[in-house]
N, C-alpha and C. Protein backbone atom coordinates (compact mmCIF):
# COMPACT_ATOMS: atom_id res chain seq x y z
N UNK A 1 -38.31 59.60 83.31
CA UNK A 1 -37.31 58.76 83.95
C UNK A 1 -36.27 58.33 82.92
N UNK A 2 -35.02 58.60 83.22
CA UNK A 2 -33.94 58.16 82.33
C UNK A 2 -33.09 57.16 83.10
N UNK A 3 -33.00 55.97 82.56
CA UNK A 3 -32.24 54.90 83.18
C UNK A 3 -30.76 55.13 82.97
N UNK A 4 -29.97 54.93 84.02
CA UNK A 4 -28.53 55.09 83.93
C UNK A 4 -27.86 53.77 83.61
N UNK A 5 -26.70 53.87 82.99
CA UNK A 5 -25.88 52.69 82.75
C UNK A 5 -25.49 52.11 84.10
N UNK A 6 -25.38 50.80 84.15
CA UNK A 6 -25.08 50.11 85.40
C UNK A 6 -23.93 49.13 85.15
N UNK A 7 -23.04 49.02 86.08
CA UNK A 7 -21.96 48.05 85.98
C UNK A 7 -22.23 46.85 86.87
N UNK A 8 -21.96 45.67 86.36
CA UNK A 8 -22.15 44.43 87.11
C UNK A 8 -20.85 43.65 87.10
N UNK A 9 -20.43 43.17 88.26
CA UNK A 9 -19.25 42.32 88.36
C UNK A 9 -19.70 40.95 88.84
N UNK A 10 -19.39 39.90 88.06
CA UNK A 10 -19.78 38.54 88.41
C UNK A 10 -18.54 37.72 88.71
N UNK A 11 -18.58 36.99 89.81
CA UNK A 11 -17.44 36.14 90.17
C UNK A 11 -17.83 35.20 91.29
N UNK A 12 -16.92 34.32 91.65
CA UNK A 12 -17.08 33.42 92.78
C UNK A 12 -15.75 33.33 93.52
N UNK A 13 -15.79 32.86 94.75
CA UNK A 13 -14.57 32.62 95.52
C UNK A 13 -13.75 33.88 95.76
N UNK A 14 -12.43 33.74 95.66
CA UNK A 14 -11.56 34.88 95.94
C UNK A 14 -11.72 35.98 94.89
N UNK A 15 -12.14 35.64 93.68
CA UNK A 15 -12.40 36.67 92.67
C UNK A 15 -13.56 37.56 93.12
N UNK A 16 -14.53 36.99 93.79
CA UNK A 16 -15.66 37.75 94.34
C UNK A 16 -15.16 38.74 95.39
N UNK A 17 -14.25 38.28 96.24
CA UNK A 17 -13.71 39.16 97.28
C UNK A 17 -12.89 40.29 96.67
N UNK A 18 -12.17 40.01 95.59
CA UNK A 18 -11.43 41.05 94.90
C UNK A 18 -12.37 42.10 94.31
N UNK A 19 -13.47 41.64 93.73
CA UNK A 19 -14.46 42.56 93.17
C UNK A 19 -15.08 43.42 94.27
N UNK A 20 -15.38 42.80 95.41
CA UNK A 20 -15.92 43.55 96.54
C UNK A 20 -14.94 44.61 97.02
N UNK A 21 -13.65 44.27 97.00
CA UNK A 21 -12.62 45.17 97.51
C UNK A 21 -12.50 46.44 96.67
N UNK A 22 -12.78 46.35 95.38
CA UNK A 22 -12.58 47.51 94.49
C UNK A 22 -13.87 48.21 94.08
N UNK A 23 -15.01 47.71 94.51
CA UNK A 23 -16.29 48.25 94.05
C UNK A 23 -16.41 49.76 94.29
N UNK A 24 -16.16 50.22 95.49
CA UNK A 24 -16.32 51.65 95.79
C UNK A 24 -15.38 52.51 94.97
N UNK A 25 -14.13 52.10 94.87
CA UNK A 25 -13.15 52.86 94.08
C UNK A 25 -13.55 52.86 92.61
N UNK A 26 -14.01 51.71 92.12
CA UNK A 26 -14.43 51.60 90.72
C UNK A 26 -15.60 52.54 90.43
N UNK A 27 -16.56 52.61 91.34
CA UNK A 27 -17.68 53.54 91.15
C UNK A 27 -17.20 54.98 91.06
N UNK A 28 -16.25 55.35 91.90
CA UNK A 28 -15.71 56.71 91.86
C UNK A 28 -14.97 56.98 90.56
N UNK A 29 -14.21 55.99 90.06
CA UNK A 29 -13.42 56.18 88.85
C UNK A 29 -14.27 56.28 87.59
N UNK A 30 -15.31 55.43 87.49
CA UNK A 30 -16.08 55.40 86.25
C UNK A 30 -17.39 56.18 86.32
N UNK A 31 -17.81 56.54 87.52
CA UNK A 31 -18.98 57.40 87.67
C UNK A 31 -20.32 56.75 87.43
N UNK A 32 -20.39 55.44 87.52
CA UNK A 32 -21.68 54.75 87.41
C UNK A 32 -21.82 53.76 88.56
N UNK A 33 -23.05 53.41 88.93
CA UNK A 33 -23.24 52.43 90.00
C UNK A 33 -22.71 51.06 89.58
N UNK A 34 -22.08 50.38 90.51
CA UNK A 34 -21.51 49.05 90.25
C UNK A 34 -22.07 48.08 91.29
N UNK A 35 -22.53 46.94 90.83
CA UNK A 35 -23.02 45.89 91.71
C UNK A 35 -22.12 44.68 91.58
N UNK A 36 -21.73 44.11 92.72
CA UNK A 36 -20.93 42.88 92.71
C UNK A 36 -21.89 41.73 93.00
N UNK A 37 -21.92 40.77 92.09
CA UNK A 37 -22.84 39.64 92.21
C UNK A 37 -22.07 38.34 92.39
N UNK A 38 -22.49 37.55 93.34
CA UNK A 38 -21.96 36.19 93.51
C UNK A 38 -22.64 35.34 92.45
N UNK A 39 -21.88 34.88 91.50
CA UNK A 39 -22.45 34.21 90.32
C UNK A 39 -23.33 33.03 90.68
N UNK A 40 -22.98 32.33 91.72
CA UNK A 40 -23.75 31.13 92.09
C UNK A 40 -25.16 31.50 92.54
N UNK A 41 -25.36 32.72 93.04
CA UNK A 41 -26.67 33.14 93.52
C UNK A 41 -27.47 33.96 92.52
N UNK A 42 -26.81 34.53 91.52
CA UNK A 42 -27.46 35.50 90.63
C UNK A 42 -28.67 34.94 89.92
N UNK A 43 -28.57 33.76 89.38
CA UNK A 43 -29.67 33.16 88.62
C UNK A 43 -30.39 32.06 89.40
N UNK A 44 -30.10 31.93 90.67
CA UNK A 44 -30.61 30.80 91.45
C UNK A 44 -32.13 30.71 91.47
N UNK A 45 -32.81 31.82 91.75
CA UNK A 45 -34.26 31.75 91.89
C UNK A 45 -34.97 32.96 91.30
N UNK A 46 -34.31 33.65 90.36
CA UNK A 46 -34.91 34.84 89.80
C UNK A 46 -34.38 35.10 88.40
N UNK A 47 -35.02 36.01 87.71
CA UNK A 47 -34.54 36.47 86.41
C UNK A 47 -34.27 37.96 86.56
N UNK A 48 -33.08 38.32 87.07
CA UNK A 48 -32.79 39.71 87.38
C UNK A 48 -32.73 40.59 86.13
N UNK A 49 -33.05 41.87 86.30
CA UNK A 49 -33.02 42.78 85.15
C UNK A 49 -31.59 43.10 84.74
N UNK A 50 -31.31 42.87 83.48
CA UNK A 50 -30.05 43.25 82.85
C UNK A 50 -30.44 43.88 81.51
N UNK A 51 -29.86 45.05 81.22
CA UNK A 51 -30.26 45.78 80.03
C UNK A 51 -29.10 45.93 79.06
N UNK A 52 -29.42 46.28 77.82
CA UNK A 52 -28.38 46.34 76.79
C UNK A 52 -27.38 47.46 77.00
N UNK A 53 -27.71 48.45 77.82
CA UNK A 53 -26.73 49.50 78.09
C UNK A 53 -25.93 49.22 79.37
N UNK A 54 -26.10 48.07 79.96
CA UNK A 54 -25.31 47.67 81.12
C UNK A 54 -23.96 47.10 80.68
N UNK A 55 -22.98 47.22 81.54
CA UNK A 55 -21.67 46.62 81.30
C UNK A 55 -21.47 45.54 82.36
N UNK A 56 -21.25 44.32 81.91
CA UNK A 56 -21.09 43.19 82.82
C UNK A 56 -19.68 42.63 82.70
N UNK A 57 -19.00 42.49 83.83
CA UNK A 57 -17.63 41.99 83.86
C UNK A 57 -17.63 40.63 84.56
N UNK A 58 -17.01 39.65 83.92
CA UNK A 58 -16.99 38.29 84.43
C UNK A 58 -15.56 37.94 84.82
N UNK A 59 -15.35 37.69 86.10
CA UNK A 59 -14.02 37.48 86.64
C UNK A 59 -13.91 36.03 87.08
N UNK A 60 -12.94 35.32 86.51
CA UNK A 60 -12.75 33.91 86.82
C UNK A 60 -11.29 33.53 86.64
N UNK A 61 -10.73 32.87 87.65
CA UNK A 61 -9.34 32.43 87.55
C UNK A 61 -9.15 31.53 86.33
N UNK A 62 -9.99 30.51 86.24
CA UNK A 62 -9.84 29.51 85.18
C UNK A 62 -10.60 29.89 83.91
N UNK A 63 -11.62 30.73 84.05
CA UNK A 63 -12.47 31.06 82.92
C UNK A 63 -13.46 29.97 82.57
N UNK A 64 -13.58 28.98 83.45
CA UNK A 64 -14.45 27.84 83.17
C UNK A 64 -15.47 27.58 84.26
N UNK A 65 -15.65 28.50 85.19
CA UNK A 65 -16.62 28.29 86.26
C UNK A 65 -18.04 28.27 85.69
N UNK A 66 -18.78 27.23 85.96
CA UNK A 66 -20.11 27.05 85.38
C UNK A 66 -21.08 28.17 85.75
N UNK A 67 -21.03 28.65 86.97
CA UNK A 67 -21.94 29.72 87.40
C UNK A 67 -21.62 31.03 86.71
N UNK A 68 -20.34 31.34 86.58
CA UNK A 68 -19.93 32.56 85.89
C UNK A 68 -20.34 32.48 84.42
N UNK A 69 -20.16 31.33 83.81
CA UNK A 69 -20.53 31.14 82.40
C UNK A 69 -22.04 31.27 82.22
N UNK A 70 -22.83 30.74 83.15
CA UNK A 70 -24.29 30.87 83.07
C UNK A 70 -24.70 32.34 83.14
N UNK A 71 -24.07 33.12 84.02
CA UNK A 71 -24.36 34.55 84.12
C UNK A 71 -23.95 35.27 82.84
N UNK A 72 -22.81 34.88 82.28
CA UNK A 72 -22.33 35.46 81.02
C UNK A 72 -23.34 35.23 79.90
N UNK A 73 -23.81 34.02 79.77
CA UNK A 73 -24.78 33.71 78.72
C UNK A 73 -26.09 34.46 78.93
N UNK A 74 -26.50 34.60 80.17
CA UNK A 74 -27.73 35.34 80.50
C UNK A 74 -27.58 36.81 80.10
N UNK A 75 -26.46 37.42 80.49
CA UNK A 75 -26.25 38.84 80.17
C UNK A 75 -26.08 39.07 78.67
N UNK A 76 -25.41 38.15 77.99
CA UNK A 76 -25.29 38.26 76.53
C UNK A 76 -26.64 38.20 75.87
N UNK A 77 -27.52 37.32 76.36
CA UNK A 77 -28.85 37.20 75.76
C UNK A 77 -29.68 38.46 75.98
N UNK A 78 -29.33 39.26 76.99
CA UNK A 78 -30.01 40.52 77.27
C UNK A 78 -29.35 41.71 76.56
N UNK A 79 -28.24 41.47 75.89
CA UNK A 79 -27.58 42.52 75.12
C UNK A 79 -26.57 43.37 75.86
N UNK A 80 -26.20 43.00 77.07
CA UNK A 80 -25.22 43.78 77.83
C UNK A 80 -23.83 43.62 77.22
N UNK A 81 -23.00 44.65 77.40
CA UNK A 81 -21.60 44.55 77.02
C UNK A 81 -20.93 43.61 78.00
N UNK A 82 -20.28 42.56 77.50
CA UNK A 82 -19.66 41.55 78.36
C UNK A 82 -18.15 41.63 78.28
N UNK A 83 -17.52 41.79 79.44
CA UNK A 83 -16.08 41.91 79.57
C UNK A 83 -15.58 40.74 80.42
N UNK A 84 -14.53 40.08 79.98
CA UNK A 84 -13.98 38.95 80.73
C UNK A 84 -12.61 39.27 81.30
N UNK A 85 -12.40 38.87 82.53
CA UNK A 85 -11.08 38.95 83.17
C UNK A 85 -10.75 37.55 83.65
N UNK A 86 -9.71 36.96 83.07
CA UNK A 86 -9.37 35.59 83.41
C UNK A 86 -7.86 35.37 83.33
N UNK A 87 -7.42 34.32 83.98
CA UNK A 87 -6.01 33.96 83.97
C UNK A 87 -5.72 32.91 82.89
N UNK A 88 -6.76 32.42 82.23
CA UNK A 88 -6.61 31.30 81.30
C UNK A 88 -6.91 31.71 79.86
N UNK A 89 -5.88 31.77 79.04
CA UNK A 89 -6.04 32.09 77.62
C UNK A 89 -6.87 31.00 76.95
N UNK A 90 -7.84 31.39 76.15
CA UNK A 90 -8.66 30.43 75.41
C UNK A 90 -9.79 29.81 76.20
N UNK A 91 -10.03 30.27 77.42
CA UNK A 91 -11.10 29.70 78.24
C UNK A 91 -12.47 30.14 77.70
N UNK A 92 -13.53 29.56 78.24
CA UNK A 92 -14.88 29.90 77.80
C UNK A 92 -15.18 31.37 78.05
N UNK A 93 -14.82 31.89 79.21
CA UNK A 93 -15.05 33.31 79.49
C UNK A 93 -14.29 34.17 78.50
N UNK A 94 -13.07 33.80 78.17
CA UNK A 94 -12.28 34.57 77.21
C UNK A 94 -12.90 34.53 75.81
N UNK A 95 -13.43 33.40 75.42
CA UNK A 95 -13.99 33.26 74.08
C UNK A 95 -15.35 33.91 73.93
N UNK A 96 -16.18 33.90 74.96
CA UNK A 96 -17.57 34.33 74.83
C UNK A 96 -17.83 35.79 75.20
N UNK A 97 -16.81 36.51 75.63
CA UNK A 97 -17.00 37.93 75.94
C UNK A 97 -16.54 38.78 74.77
N UNK A 98 -17.11 39.98 74.67
CA UNK A 98 -16.73 40.88 73.58
C UNK A 98 -15.34 41.48 73.78
N UNK A 99 -15.01 41.73 75.04
CA UNK A 99 -13.75 42.35 75.41
C UNK A 99 -13.16 41.54 76.54
N UNK A 100 -11.84 41.37 76.55
CA UNK A 100 -11.25 40.57 77.61
C UNK A 100 -9.88 41.04 78.03
N UNK A 101 -9.48 40.59 79.19
CA UNK A 101 -8.17 40.90 79.72
C UNK A 101 -7.60 39.62 80.32
N UNK A 102 -6.46 39.21 79.82
CA UNK A 102 -5.76 38.06 80.38
C UNK A 102 -4.83 38.53 81.47
N UNK A 103 -4.84 37.86 82.61
CA UNK A 103 -4.03 38.27 83.74
C UNK A 103 -2.58 37.82 83.63
N UNK A 104 -2.35 36.66 83.05
CA UNK A 104 -1.00 36.08 82.94
C UNK A 104 -0.29 36.07 84.29
N UNK A 105 -1.02 35.71 85.34
CA UNK A 105 -0.46 35.69 86.69
C UNK A 105 0.26 34.38 86.99
N UNK A 106 0.18 33.42 86.09
CA UNK A 106 0.83 32.14 86.32
C UNK A 106 -0.07 31.16 87.05
N UNK A 107 0.36 29.93 87.09
CA UNK A 107 -0.40 28.85 87.71
C UNK A 107 -0.38 28.98 89.23
N UNK A 108 -1.54 28.84 89.85
CA UNK A 108 -1.62 28.84 91.30
C UNK A 108 -1.33 27.42 91.80
N UNK A 109 -0.43 27.31 92.75
CA UNK A 109 -0.11 26.01 93.34
C UNK A 109 -0.62 26.05 94.78
N UNK A 110 -1.46 25.10 95.13
CA UNK A 110 -2.05 25.09 96.46
C UNK A 110 -3.43 25.70 96.43
N UNK A 111 -4.00 25.92 97.61
CA UNK A 111 -5.38 26.40 97.66
C UNK A 111 -5.47 27.92 97.75
N UNK A 112 -4.37 28.61 98.05
CA UNK A 112 -4.46 30.07 98.09
C UNK A 112 -4.30 30.64 96.69
N UNK A 113 -4.85 31.79 96.46
CA UNK A 113 -4.80 32.37 95.12
C UNK A 113 -4.32 33.82 95.20
N UNK A 114 -3.23 34.04 95.88
CA UNK A 114 -2.76 35.40 96.10
C UNK A 114 -2.31 36.09 94.82
N UNK A 115 -1.63 35.37 93.93
CA UNK A 115 -1.15 35.99 92.68
C UNK A 115 -2.32 36.44 91.82
N UNK A 116 -3.26 35.56 91.59
CA UNK A 116 -4.38 35.89 90.72
C UNK A 116 -5.29 36.91 91.39
N UNK A 117 -5.48 36.80 92.69
CA UNK A 117 -6.29 37.78 93.42
C UNK A 117 -5.70 39.18 93.24
N UNK A 118 -4.43 39.33 93.46
CA UNK A 118 -3.77 40.62 93.30
C UNK A 118 -3.85 41.13 91.87
N UNK A 119 -3.68 40.24 90.91
CA UNK A 119 -3.76 40.63 89.49
C UNK A 119 -5.18 41.07 89.15
N UNK A 120 -6.19 40.42 89.70
CA UNK A 120 -7.59 40.80 89.43
C UNK A 120 -7.90 42.18 89.98
N UNK A 121 -7.43 42.45 91.18
CA UNK A 121 -7.68 43.75 91.80
C UNK A 121 -7.06 44.86 90.95
N UNK A 122 -5.81 44.65 90.52
CA UNK A 122 -5.16 45.65 89.68
C UNK A 122 -5.88 45.79 88.34
N UNK A 123 -6.28 44.67 87.74
CA UNK A 123 -6.97 44.71 86.45
C UNK A 123 -8.29 45.46 86.53
N UNK A 124 -9.03 45.27 87.61
CA UNK A 124 -10.30 45.95 87.77
C UNK A 124 -10.14 47.46 87.91
N UNK A 125 -9.03 47.88 88.46
CA UNK A 125 -8.80 49.31 88.67
C UNK A 125 -8.15 49.99 87.48
N UNK A 126 -7.73 49.22 86.47
CA UNK A 126 -7.08 49.82 85.29
C UNK A 126 -8.10 50.46 84.38
């Protein structure tokens, strides 16, 4: 049995929906299985398997969501490659991941997050 590399996308809210929207296309582009995880549920009642050859991507508008950060720390402790996608330069997600991408989508005003959502979808497909 040879274990394959696995991709994990962690997010909450509209970032989660963006990850769900691109999952199938992302699997086709990179050729590995991709799982989208709702960060708030990932560590709730289990210790899920994460391996050092996995690639974990943490998507957060602010880069400071506590659930996303908890998943990031868990995956780092397991040796996975951690990639951050955030709109906030210098945030915790940006600082604690090995590789990162800043969206620079600007400040969201109001409760909708259309600018950052669109930027996340494009970033995930790049």
